[in-house]
Structure formats: structure tokens, C-alpha cells
């Protein structure tokens, strides 16, 4: 989100911003902000005081107030999950694959600023067969983050060359070309 003054001026002289880049408030707010920016551009170019249309000022204020109220009344999924989990008892199972409870995750995080991946490592939550498909949103909500912040690891492991050489694909000659190309 870009920080702007009341007329859409950014911290860079000659640069202005309006609409969703300054905060999500809808198309009516964006149009009103565009009018305010236009007034600021004209004022800055002519070295005169900004004289914005009163209707645009009222519209922008009204739409931003409505957007703030909407965010409070209808929080996003991550915020809603966090609010629900604040009141969830410790004995509630968070990760059914690993049998990890909400209390275990809270205890692992107590007094620390560890990221969600560290909590996952300490409790094994999200490390079962489902790989966090079901519990990752709740785990992240307890940490105040989103599932995108959770580090994922590809389930790969080293394979001994003897096992590779003994594989049916190698015996059939299907891997021979690939092995020769990598030498």
C-alpha cells in the first residue's frame, strides 16, 4: 500500500497515487480520489493552493469510512480464523494426522518469535500424510500469518546409485541417455 497525503501525493515529488494502491475501498472511492489527485496536480503545476471538488472530498471520506466498517464487520479468512482460535481450548486437536493439539502449538510458541515453520517442526503439525492440507490454515492463524508463509518441502530423498542402476527403467535402457547426458 502506498502512503499518500489527502490529495494523493506520494513521498516522491511529482508522483501521485489513487485507488486500490492506497487502500482497498472500492471504485467510488477510487474515482473520488482521482478527482482529488487531479486537483493536486493542477495546483502543483500552477503553484496555487489545492482546490478539490467538495463532492469528491465527501465521497472519498464516505467510501473510506464504509470500507473500514466493512473490514471490521466482515474480516478476511485469516483474521476470522485467528479470532476463532483465540478462544479454542488447548485440548482441541489441530492436526489429526499427527495428533497435535492447539495447546501443544501454543506451548511451542510461548514467549518466542519463531515463525510458523519452526512451530511446525517443534510440534509436527502439518507433517503427516496430508502435508498440512487441513491443519495449515489453523496453524498459521495461531501464529498470525497466512498459509503462504509456511515453508514447503518437496517430499524427496536421496536415492543410492545402486538402486537406480537396478531399476527396471535403467535395465530397459530408458534412463541410459539421461545418465550419459549428465556426465
N, C-alpha and C. Protein backbone atom coordinates (compact mmCIF):
# COMPACT_ATOMS: atom_id res chain seq x y z
N UNK A 1 0.85 -1.17 0.00
CA UNK A 1 0.00 0.00 0.00
C UNK A 1 0.90 1.25 0.00
N UNK A 2 0.54 2.20 -0.80
CA UNK A 2 1.32 3.42 -0.94
C UNK A 2 0.78 4.49 0.01
N UNK A 3 1.69 5.12 0.75
CA UNK A 3 1.30 6.21 1.64
C UNK A 3 1.16 7.49 0.83
N UNK A 4 0.03 8.16 1.02
CA UNK A 4 -0.24 9.42 0.32
C UNK A 4 -0.83 10.43 1.29
N UNK A 5 -0.77 11.71 0.89
CA UNK A 5 -1.44 12.74 1.68
C UNK A 5 -2.92 12.80 1.27
N UNK A 6 -3.65 13.79 1.74
CA UNK A 6 -5.09 13.89 1.45
C UNK A 6 -5.40 14.08 -0.03
N UNK A 7 -4.39 14.46 -0.81
CA UNK A 7 -4.61 14.72 -2.23
C UNK A 7 -3.87 13.72 -3.13
N UNK A 8 -3.42 12.62 -2.58
CA UNK A 8 -2.78 11.58 -3.38
C UNK A 8 -1.32 11.80 -3.69
N UNK A 9 -0.69 12.78 -3.06
CA UNK A 9 0.74 13.00 -3.28
C UNK A 9 1.52 11.91 -2.53
N UNK A 10 2.53 11.35 -3.21
CA UNK A 10 3.41 10.38 -2.56
C UNK A 10 4.62 11.12 -1.99
N UNK A 11 5.54 10.37 -1.42
CA UNK A 11 6.76 10.99 -0.88
C UNK A 11 7.74 11.39 -1.98
N UNK A 12 7.48 10.96 -3.20
CA UNK A 12 8.33 11.32 -4.34
C UNK A 12 7.69 12.52 -5.04
N UNK A 13 8.38 13.66 -5.11
CA UNK A 13 7.80 14.85 -5.76
C UNK A 13 7.36 14.54 -7.20
N UNK A 14 6.14 14.97 -7.54
CA UNK A 14 5.62 14.77 -8.88
C UNK A 14 4.94 13.42 -9.09
N UNK A 15 4.90 12.59 -8.07
CA UNK A 15 4.25 11.28 -8.17
C UNK A 15 3.00 11.28 -7.31
N UNK A 16 1.93 10.77 -7.88
CA UNK A 16 0.63 10.75 -7.21
C UNK A 16 0.06 9.34 -7.30
N UNK A 17 -0.84 9.03 -6.40
CA UNK A 17 -1.47 7.71 -6.43
C UNK A 17 -2.90 7.82 -5.93
N UNK A 18 -3.78 7.03 -6.55
CA UNK A 18 -5.19 7.00 -6.16
C UNK A 18 -5.72 5.59 -6.37
N UNK A 19 -6.82 5.27 -5.73
CA UNK A 19 -7.46 3.98 -5.93
C UNK A 19 -6.90 2.89 -5.04
N UNK A 20 -6.95 1.66 -5.53
CA UNK A 20 -6.60 0.49 -4.73
C UNK A 20 -5.15 0.49 -4.25
N UNK A 21 -4.26 1.23 -4.89
CA UNK A 21 -2.87 1.26 -4.44
C UNK A 21 -2.71 1.97 -3.11
N UNK A 22 -3.71 2.75 -2.72
CA UNK A 22 -3.63 3.49 -1.46
C UNK A 22 -4.50 2.86 -0.37
N UNK A 23 -5.18 1.77 -0.69
CA UNK A 23 -6.04 1.08 0.26
C UNK A 23 -7.34 0.67 -0.43
N UNK A 24 -7.79 -0.51 -0.17
CA UNK A 24 -8.97 -1.03 -0.84
C UNK A 24 -10.22 -0.38 -0.25
N UNK A 25 -10.94 0.33 -1.10
CA UNK A 25 -12.18 0.99 -0.66
C UNK A 25 -13.24 0.99 -1.76
N UNK A 26 -12.93 0.43 -2.92
CA UNK A 26 -13.93 0.33 -3.98
C UNK A 26 -13.77 1.36 -5.07
N UNK A 27 -14.57 1.17 -6.14
CA UNK A 27 -14.43 2.03 -7.31
C UNK A 27 -14.92 3.46 -7.08
N UNK A 28 -15.91 3.64 -6.23
CA UNK A 28 -16.39 5.01 -5.98
C UNK A 28 -15.33 5.84 -5.25
N UNK A 29 -14.65 5.20 -4.30
CA UNK A 29 -13.55 5.90 -3.61
C UNK A 29 -12.42 6.21 -4.59
N UNK A 30 -12.12 5.26 -5.47
CA UNK A 30 -11.05 5.47 -6.45
C UNK A 30 -11.35 6.63 -7.38
N UNK A 31 -12.60 6.72 -7.80
CA UNK A 31 -12.98 7.85 -8.68
C UNK A 31 -12.86 9.18 -7.94
N UNK A 32 -13.31 9.20 -6.68
CA UNK A 32 -13.21 10.43 -5.89
C UNK A 32 -11.75 10.80 -5.66
N UNK A 33 -10.93 9.79 -5.36
CA UNK A 33 -9.50 10.05 -5.15
C UNK A 33 -8.85 10.57 -6.44
N UNK A 34 -9.29 10.05 -7.56
CA UNK A 34 -8.78 10.54 -8.84
C UNK A 34 -9.04 12.02 -9.02
N UNK A 35 -10.23 12.47 -8.62
CA UNK A 35 -10.56 13.90 -8.69
C UNK A 35 -9.67 14.71 -7.76
N UNK A 36 -9.39 14.17 -6.57
CA UNK A 36 -8.52 14.87 -5.63
C UNK A 36 -7.09 14.96 -6.16
N UNK A 37 -6.62 13.88 -6.77
CA UNK A 37 -5.28 13.88 -7.36
C UNK A 37 -5.22 14.89 -8.50
N UNK A 38 -6.25 14.93 -9.33
CA UNK A 38 -6.27 15.89 -10.44
C UNK A 38 -6.17 17.32 -9.91
N UNK A 39 -6.89 17.62 -8.83
CA UNK A 39 -6.82 18.96 -8.23
C UNK A 39 -5.42 19.25 -7.71
N UNK A 40 -4.78 18.23 -7.11
CA UNK A 40 -3.42 18.42 -6.60
C UNK A 40 -2.42 18.62 -7.73
N UNK A 41 -2.57 17.88 -8.82
CA UNK A 41 -1.66 18.02 -9.97
C UNK A 41 -1.76 19.44 -10.54
N UNK A 42 -2.99 19.92 -10.71
CA UNK A 42 -3.20 21.28 -11.24
C UNK A 42 -2.61 22.31 -10.28
N UNK A 43 -2.85 22.15 -8.99
CA UNK A 43 -2.32 23.10 -8.00
C UNK A 43 -0.81 23.10 -7.99
N UNK A 44 -0.20 21.89 -8.04
CA UNK A 44 1.26 21.80 -8.02
C UNK A 44 1.87 22.39 -9.29
N UNK A 45 1.21 22.18 -10.42
CA UNK A 45 1.73 22.70 -11.70
C UNK A 45 1.61 24.21 -11.80
N UNK A 46 0.62 24.77 -11.13
CA UNK A 46 0.39 26.23 -11.22
C UNK A 46 0.82 26.97 -9.96
N UNK A 47 1.39 26.23 -9.01
CA UNK A 47 1.82 26.81 -7.73
C UNK A 47 0.69 27.57 -7.03
N UNK A 48 -0.48 26.99 -7.02
CA UNK A 48 -1.64 27.57 -6.34
C UNK A 48 -2.12 26.59 -5.29
N UNK A 49 -2.95 27.04 -4.34
CA UNK A 49 -3.48 26.11 -3.33
C UNK A 49 -4.42 25.08 -3.98
N UNK A 50 -4.45 23.91 -3.39
CA UNK A 50 -5.31 22.85 -3.89
C UNK A 50 -6.77 23.25 -3.65
N UNK A 51 -7.58 23.13 -4.68
CA UNK A 51 -8.99 23.46 -4.59
C UNK A 51 -9.79 22.24 -5.08
N UNK A 52 -9.92 21.21 -4.22
CA UNK A 52 -10.59 20.00 -4.67
C UNK A 52 -12.11 20.18 -4.72
N UNK A 53 -12.78 19.42 -5.57
CA UNK A 53 -14.24 19.47 -5.60
C UNK A 53 -14.79 18.94 -4.26
N UNK A 54 -15.69 19.69 -3.66
CA UNK A 54 -16.24 19.31 -2.35
C UNK A 54 -16.93 17.95 -2.43
N UNK A 55 -17.58 17.68 -3.57
CA UNK A 55 -18.27 16.39 -3.74
C UNK A 55 -17.26 15.24 -3.67
N UNK A 56 -16.09 15.39 -4.27
CA UNK A 56 -15.06 14.34 -4.26
C UNK A 56 -14.53 14.12 -2.85
N UNK A 57 -14.35 15.21 -2.10
CA UNK A 57 -13.87 15.10 -0.72
C UNK A 57 -14.87 14.29 0.12
N UNK A 58 -16.17 14.64 0.00
CA UNK A 58 -17.21 13.92 0.75
C UNK A 58 -17.29 12.45 0.34
N UNK A 59 -17.23 12.23 -0.96
CA UNK A 59 -17.34 10.86 -1.48
C UNK A 59 -16.18 10.00 -0.98
N UNK A 60 -14.96 10.52 -1.04
CA UNK A 60 -13.79 9.76 -0.59
C UNK A 60 -13.89 9.44 0.89
N UNK A 61 -14.27 10.41 1.70
CA UNK A 61 -14.42 10.16 3.15
C UNK A 61 -15.48 9.10 3.42
N UNK A 62 -16.61 9.23 2.75
CA UNK A 62 -17.73 8.30 2.96
C UNK A 62 -17.32 6.87 2.56
N UNK A 63 -16.69 6.73 1.42
CA UNK A 63 -16.31 5.40 0.94
C UNK A 63 -15.23 4.76 1.81
N UNK A 64 -14.28 5.55 2.29
CA UNK A 64 -13.24 5.01 3.17
C UNK A 64 -13.82 4.62 4.52
N UNK A 65 -14.77 5.38 5.04
CA UNK A 65 -15.43 5.02 6.30
C UNK A 65 -16.21 3.72 6.13
N UNK A 66 -16.90 3.57 5.00
CA UNK A 66 -17.64 2.34 4.74
C UNK A 66 -16.70 1.14 4.60
N UNK A 67 -15.58 1.33 3.93
CA UNK A 67 -14.60 0.24 3.77
C UNK A 67 -14.04 -0.19 5.12
N UNK A 68 -13.75 0.78 5.99
CA UNK A 68 -13.24 0.46 7.32
C UNK A 68 -14.28 -0.32 8.13
N UNK A 69 -15.53 0.10 8.06
CA UNK A 69 -16.61 -0.61 8.74
C UNK A 69 -16.77 -2.02 8.19
N UNK A 70 -16.69 -2.17 6.88
CA UNK A 70 -16.81 -3.49 6.26
C UNK A 70 -15.69 -4.42 6.70
N UNK A 71 -14.45 -3.90 6.79
CA UNK A 71 -13.33 -4.73 7.25
C UNK A 71 -13.53 -5.18 8.68
N UNK A 72 -14.13 -4.32 9.50
CA UNK A 72 -14.38 -4.68 10.89
C UNK A 72 -15.50 -5.70 11.03
N UNK A 73 -16.58 -5.49 10.28
CA UNK A 73 -17.72 -6.39 10.38
C UNK A 73 -17.50 -7.72 9.67
N UNK A 74 -16.76 -7.70 8.58
CA UNK A 74 -16.55 -8.90 7.78
C UNK A 74 -15.05 -9.13 7.57
N UNK A 75 -14.37 -9.65 8.59
CA UNK A 75 -12.93 -9.85 8.46
C UNK A 75 -12.60 -10.93 7.43
N UNK A 76 -11.40 -10.87 6.91
CA UNK A 76 -10.94 -11.88 5.95
C UNK A 76 -10.79 -13.23 6.63
N UNK A 77 -10.56 -14.25 5.84
CA UNK A 77 -10.49 -15.62 6.35
C UNK A 77 -9.40 -15.78 7.41
N UNK A 78 -8.22 -15.21 7.18
CA UNK A 78 -7.12 -15.36 8.13
C UNK A 78 -7.45 -14.68 9.46
N UNK A 79 -8.02 -13.49 9.40
CA UNK A 79 -8.39 -12.77 10.62
C UNK A 79 -9.50 -13.50 11.36
N UNK A 80 -10.47 -14.00 10.62
CA UNK A 80 -11.58 -14.73 11.24
C UNK A 80 -11.07 -16.00 11.92
N UNK A 81 -10.20 -16.73 11.25
CA UNK A 81 -9.62 -17.94 11.85
C UNK A 81 -8.85 -17.59 13.12
N UNK A 82 -8.09 -16.50 13.08
CA UNK A 82 -7.32 -16.08 14.26
C UNK A 82 -8.26 -15.76 15.43
N UNK A 83 -9.36 -15.05 15.15
CA UNK A 83 -10.31 -14.69 16.20
C UNK A 83 -10.96 -15.93 16.81
N UNK A 84 -11.29 -16.91 15.96
CA UNK A 84 -11.91 -18.14 16.46
C UNK A 84 -10.91 -18.92 17.30
N UNK A 85 -9.67 -19.04 16.82
CA UNK A 85 -8.67 -19.83 17.53
C UNK A 85 -8.23 -19.20 18.84
N UNK A 86 -8.43 -17.90 18.99
CA UNK A 86 -8.11 -17.26 20.27
C UNK A 86 -8.89 -17.88 21.42
N UNK A 87 -10.09 -18.35 21.10
CA UNK A 87 -10.98 -18.89 22.13
C UNK A 87 -11.11 -20.41 22.07
N UNK A 88 -10.29 -21.06 21.29
CA UNK A 88 -10.33 -22.51 21.16
C UNK A 88 -9.57 -23.14 22.32
N UNK A 89 -10.17 -24.13 23.00
CA UNK A 89 -9.49 -24.79 24.13
C UNK A 89 -8.21 -25.51 23.70
N UNK A 90 -7.26 -25.57 24.61
CA UNK A 90 -5.97 -26.21 24.33
C UNK A 90 -6.09 -27.67 23.92
N UNK A 91 -7.08 -28.37 24.43
CA UNK A 91 -7.19 -29.80 24.13
C UNK A 91 -7.79 -30.10 22.75
N UNK A 92 -8.17 -29.08 22.01
CA UNK A 92 -8.72 -29.27 20.68
C UNK A 92 -7.63 -29.75 19.73
N UNK A 93 -7.95 -30.80 18.97
CA UNK A 93 -6.98 -31.35 18.04
C UNK A 93 -6.84 -30.43 16.83
N UNK A 94 -5.62 -30.03 16.55
CA UNK A 94 -5.34 -29.15 15.42
C UNK A 94 -4.93 -29.95 14.19
N UNK A 95 -4.03 -30.90 14.37
CA UNK A 95 -3.54 -31.73 13.27
C UNK A 95 -3.93 -33.17 13.55
N UNK A 96 -4.91 -33.65 12.80
CA UNK A 96 -5.39 -35.00 13.06
C UNK A 96 -4.40 -36.06 12.59
N UNK A 97 -3.59 -35.77 11.59
CA UNK A 97 -2.61 -36.75 11.11
C UNK A 97 -1.55 -37.05 12.17
N UNK A 98 -1.08 -36.01 12.85
CA UNK A 98 -0.02 -36.15 13.85
C UNK A 98 -0.55 -36.12 15.27
N UNK A 99 -1.84 -35.87 15.45
CA UNK A 99 -2.43 -35.83 16.79
C UNK A 99 -1.98 -34.63 17.61
N UNK A 100 -1.63 -33.54 16.94
CA UNK A 100 -1.15 -32.34 17.62
C UNK A 100 -2.34 -31.49 18.05
N UNK A 101 -2.29 -30.99 19.30
CA UNK A 101 -3.38 -30.16 19.81
C UNK A 101 -3.04 -28.68 19.71
N UNK A 102 -4.06 -27.86 19.84
CA UNK A 102 -3.88 -26.41 19.86
C UNK A 102 -2.95 -26.02 21.00
N UNK A 103 -3.10 -26.67 22.14
CA UNK A 103 -2.26 -26.39 23.31
C UNK A 103 -0.79 -26.68 23.05
N UNK A 104 -0.51 -27.75 22.32
CA UNK A 104 0.89 -28.08 22.01
C UNK A 104 1.51 -27.00 21.11
N UNK A 105 0.75 -26.51 20.16
CA UNK A 105 1.26 -25.44 19.29
C UNK A 105 1.47 -24.17 20.10
N UNK A 106 0.52 -23.85 20.97
CA UNK A 106 0.68 -22.65 21.81
C UNK A 106 1.89 -22.79 22.71
N UNK A 107 2.12 -23.96 23.30
CA UNK A 107 3.26 -24.17 24.19
C UNK A 107 4.57 -24.07 23.42
N UNK A 108 4.60 -24.56 22.20
CA UNK A 108 5.82 -24.49 21.39
C UNK A 108 6.16 -23.05 21.03
N UNK A 109 5.13 -22.21 20.92
CA UNK A 109 5.34 -20.83 20.53
C UNK A 109 5.45 -19.87 21.71
N UNK A 110 5.17 -20.35 22.91
CA UNK A 110 5.11 -19.47 24.08
C UNK A 110 6.39 -18.68 24.26
N UNK A 111 6.24 -17.38 24.31
CA UNK A 111 7.37 -16.50 24.60
C UNK A 111 8.41 -16.41 23.51
N UNK A 112 8.11 -16.89 22.32
CA UNK A 112 9.11 -16.84 21.26
C UNK A 112 8.56 -16.09 20.05
N UNK A 113 9.45 -15.68 19.21
CA UNK A 113 9.07 -15.02 17.97
C UNK A 113 9.37 -15.93 16.79
N UNK A 114 9.21 -17.24 16.99
CA UNK A 114 9.51 -18.18 15.94
C UNK A 114 8.49 -18.08 14.82
N UNK A 115 8.93 -18.40 13.63
CA UNK A 115 7.99 -18.39 12.52
C UNK A 115 7.14 -19.66 12.54
N UNK A 116 6.19 -19.72 11.66
CA UNK A 116 5.26 -20.84 11.64
C UNK A 116 5.96 -22.14 11.26
N UNK A 117 7.01 -22.08 10.46
CA UNK A 117 7.75 -23.29 10.09
C UNK A 117 8.44 -23.90 11.31
N UNK A 118 8.93 -23.05 12.21
CA UNK A 118 9.55 -23.56 13.43
C UNK A 118 8.51 -24.24 14.32
N UNK A 119 7.33 -23.65 14.42
CA UNK A 119 6.26 -24.27 15.21
C UNK A 119 5.87 -25.61 14.61
N UNK A 120 5.87 -25.67 13.30
CA UNK A 120 5.55 -26.92 12.60
C UNK A 120 6.60 -27.98 12.94
N UNK A 121 7.86 -27.60 12.92
CA UNK A 121 8.94 -28.54 13.23
C UNK A 121 8.87 -29.01 14.69
N UNK A 122 8.59 -28.10 15.61
CA UNK A 122 8.55 -28.46 17.03
C UNK A 122 7.37 -29.34 17.39
N UNK A 123 6.27 -29.22 16.70
CA UNK A 123 5.06 -29.97 17.07
C UNK A 123 4.68 -31.06 16.09
N UNK A 124 5.29 -31.07 14.92
CA UNK A 124 4.97 -31.99 13.82
C UNK A 124 3.61 -31.70 13.19
N UNK A 125 2.95 -30.63 13.59
CA UNK A 125 1.68 -30.25 12.96
C UNK A 125 1.94 -29.97 11.49
N UNK A 126 1.12 -30.53 10.63
CA UNK A 126 1.27 -30.32 9.20
C UNK A 126 2.28 -31.21 8.53
N UNK A 127 2.84 -32.16 9.27
CA UNK A 127 3.87 -33.02 8.70
C UNK A 127 3.38 -34.45 8.46
N UNK A 128 2.09 -34.69 8.63
CA UNK A 128 1.53 -36.02 8.42
C UNK A 128 1.25 -36.28 6.96
N UNK A 129 0.48 -37.33 6.70
CA UNK A 129 0.19 -37.71 5.30
C UNK A 129 -0.47 -36.61 4.47
N UNK A 130 -1.26 -35.75 5.08
CA UNK A 130 -1.93 -34.71 4.29
C UNK A 130 -1.02 -33.51 4.02
N UNK A 131 0.15 -33.47 4.65
CA UNK A 131 1.13 -32.39 4.47
C UNK A 131 0.54 -31.00 4.73
N UNK A 132 -0.35 -30.91 5.73
CA UNK A 132 -0.90 -29.63 6.15
C UNK A 132 -2.08 -29.14 5.34
N UNK A 133 -2.61 -29.97 4.47
CA UNK A 133 -3.75 -29.53 3.67
C UNK A 133 -4.94 -29.13 4.52
N UNK A 134 -5.09 -29.76 5.69
CA UNK A 134 -6.23 -29.47 6.55
C UNK A 134 -5.87 -28.57 7.73
N UNK A 135 -4.70 -28.74 8.29
CA UNK A 135 -4.37 -28.01 9.52
C UNK A 135 -3.53 -26.75 9.30
N UNK A 136 -2.92 -26.58 8.13
CA UNK A 136 -2.04 -25.42 7.90
C UNK A 136 -2.76 -24.09 8.12
N UNK A 137 -4.01 -23.91 7.65
CA UNK A 137 -4.66 -22.62 7.91
C UNK A 137 -4.83 -22.34 9.41
N UNK A 138 -5.17 -23.36 10.18
CA UNK A 138 -5.33 -23.15 11.63
C UNK A 138 -3.98 -22.91 12.29
N UNK A 139 -2.96 -23.65 11.87
CA UNK A 139 -1.61 -23.46 12.42
C UNK A 139 -1.13 -22.04 12.15
N UNK A 140 -1.33 -21.58 10.93
CA UNK A 140 -0.90 -20.23 10.57
C UNK A 140 -1.72 -19.17 11.31
N UNK A 141 -3.01 -19.44 11.50
CA UNK A 141 -3.86 -18.49 12.23
C UNK A 141 -3.40 -18.34 13.67
N UNK A 142 -2.96 -19.42 14.28
CA UNK A 142 -2.42 -19.33 15.65
C UNK A 142 -1.18 -18.46 15.70
N UNK A 143 -0.42 -18.45 14.62
CA UNK A 143 0.81 -17.64 14.56
C UNK A 143 0.56 -16.26 13.99
N UNK A 144 -0.68 -15.99 13.52
CA UNK A 144 -0.99 -14.68 12.98
C UNK A 144 -0.45 -14.46 11.58
N UNK A 145 -0.25 -15.54 10.83
CA UNK A 145 0.24 -15.42 9.46
C UNK A 145 -0.73 -16.12 8.51
N UNK A 146 -0.35 -16.21 7.26
CA UNK A 146 -1.17 -16.88 6.25
C UNK A 146 -0.46 -18.15 5.80
N UNK A 147 -1.20 -19.11 5.24
CA UNK A 147 -0.56 -20.36 4.79
C UNK A 147 0.56 -20.15 3.78
N UNK A 148 0.53 -19.04 3.04
CA UNK A 148 1.59 -18.78 2.07
C UNK A 148 2.95 -18.60 2.76
N UNK A 149 2.94 -18.23 4.05
CA UNK A 149 4.20 -18.03 4.77
C UNK A 149 4.82 -19.34 5.22
N UNK A 150 4.11 -20.43 5.10
CA UNK A 150 4.59 -21.73 5.54
C UNK A 150 5.55 -22.29 4.51
N UNK A 151 6.76 -22.60 4.95
CA UNK A 151 7.75 -23.16 4.04
C UNK A 151 7.34 -24.58 3.67
N UNK A 152 7.37 -24.87 2.40
CA UNK A 152 7.03 -26.21 1.96
C UNK A 152 8.29 -26.92 1.49
N UNK A 153 8.27 -28.21 1.65
CA UNK A 153 9.40 -29.01 1.21
C UNK A 153 8.90 -30.11 0.30
N UNK A 154 9.60 -30.30 -0.78
CA UNK A 154 9.24 -31.36 -1.69
C UNK A 154 9.61 -32.69 -1.04
N UNK A 155 8.70 -33.66 -1.05
CA UNK A 155 8.99 -34.93 -0.38
C UNK A 155 9.95 -35.80 -1.21
N UNK A 156 11.22 -35.39 -1.28
CA UNK A 156 12.25 -36.13 -1.99
C UNK A 156 13.29 -36.63 -1.02
N UNK A 157 13.97 -37.69 -1.41
CA UNK A 157 15.08 -38.17 -0.60
C UNK A 157 16.15 -38.71 -1.53
N UNK A 158 17.39 -38.78 -1.07
CA UNK A 158 18.46 -39.28 -1.93
C UNK A 158 18.22 -40.75 -2.29
N UNK A 159 18.62 -41.11 -3.51
CA UNK A 159 18.49 -42.50 -3.97
C UNK A 159 19.91 -43.01 -4.24
N UNK A 160 20.28 -44.15 -3.63
CA UNK A 160 21.60 -44.72 -3.91
C UNK A 160 21.73 -45.08 -5.39
N UNK A 161 22.93 -44.88 -5.96
CA UNK A 161 23.14 -45.19 -7.37
C UNK A 161 22.91 -46.66 -7.67
N UNK A 162 23.19 -47.52 -6.71
CA UNK A 162 22.96 -48.96 -6.92
C UNK A 162 21.48 -49.23 -7.15
N UNK A 163 20.61 -48.54 -6.39
CA UNK A 163 19.17 -48.71 -6.59
C UNK A 163 18.74 -48.19 -7.95
N UNK A 164 19.32 -47.07 -8.36
CA UNK A 164 18.99 -46.50 -9.66
C UNK A 164 19.43 -47.45 -10.78
N UNK A 165 20.64 -47.99 -10.65
CA UNK A 165 21.16 -48.91 -11.66
C UNK A 165 20.32 -50.18 -11.75
N UNK A 166 19.76 -50.60 -10.64
CA UNK A 166 18.95 -51.82 -10.62
C UNK A 166 17.50 -51.58 -11.02
N UNK A 167 17.11 -50.33 -11.27
CA UNK A 167 15.71 -50.04 -11.58
C UNK A 167 15.33 -50.61 -12.94
N UNK A 168 14.08 -51.00 -13.10
CA UNK A 168 13.61 -51.53 -14.39
C UNK A 168 13.79 -50.53 -15.54
N UNK A 169 13.68 -49.23 -15.24
CA UNK A 169 13.86 -48.23 -16.29
C UNK A 169 15.29 -48.24 -16.82
N UNK A 170 16.26 -48.39 -15.93
CA UNK A 170 17.66 -48.43 -16.35
C UNK A 170 17.92 -49.71 -17.12
N UNK A 171 17.35 -50.81 -16.66
CA UNK A 171 17.53 -52.10 -17.34
C UNK A 171 16.94 -52.05 -18.76
N UNK A 172 15.84 -51.32 -18.92
CA UNK A 172 15.20 -51.23 -20.23
C UNK A 172 15.88 -50.20 -21.13
N UNK A 173 16.87 -49.48 -20.59
CA UNK A 173 17.60 -48.50 -21.38
C UNK A 173 16.94 -47.14 -21.46
N UNK A 174 15.85 -46.94 -20.74
CA UNK A 174 15.14 -45.66 -20.80
C UNK A 174 15.88 -44.54 -20.07
N UNK A 175 16.68 -44.86 -19.06
CA UNK A 175 17.42 -43.83 -18.31
C UNK A 175 18.85 -43.68 -18.80
N UNK A 176 19.31 -44.55 -19.66
CA UNK A 176 20.71 -44.54 -20.11
C UNK A 176 21.08 -43.21 -20.75
N UNK A 177 20.25 -42.70 -21.64
CA UNK A 177 20.55 -41.44 -22.32
C UNK A 177 20.63 -40.30 -21.33
N UNK A 178 19.74 -40.27 -20.35
CA UNK A 178 19.74 -39.19 -19.36
C UNK A 178 21.00 -39.25 -18.52
N UNK A 179 21.45 -40.44 -18.12
CA UNK A 179 22.64 -40.57 -17.30
C UNK A 179 23.87 -40.14 -18.10
N UNK A 180 23.96 -40.50 -19.37
CA UNK A 180 25.11 -40.14 -20.19
C UNK A 180 25.16 -38.63 -20.43
N UNK A 181 24.01 -37.98 -20.56
CA UNK A 181 23.97 -36.54 -20.79
C UNK A 181 24.48 -35.75 -19.59
N UNK A 182 24.34 -36.29 -18.40
CA UNK A 182 24.74 -35.55 -17.19
C UNK A 182 26.20 -35.72 -16.87
N UNK A 183 26.92 -36.58 -17.58
CA UNK A 183 28.36 -36.78 -17.28
C UNK A 183 29.21 -35.69 -17.82
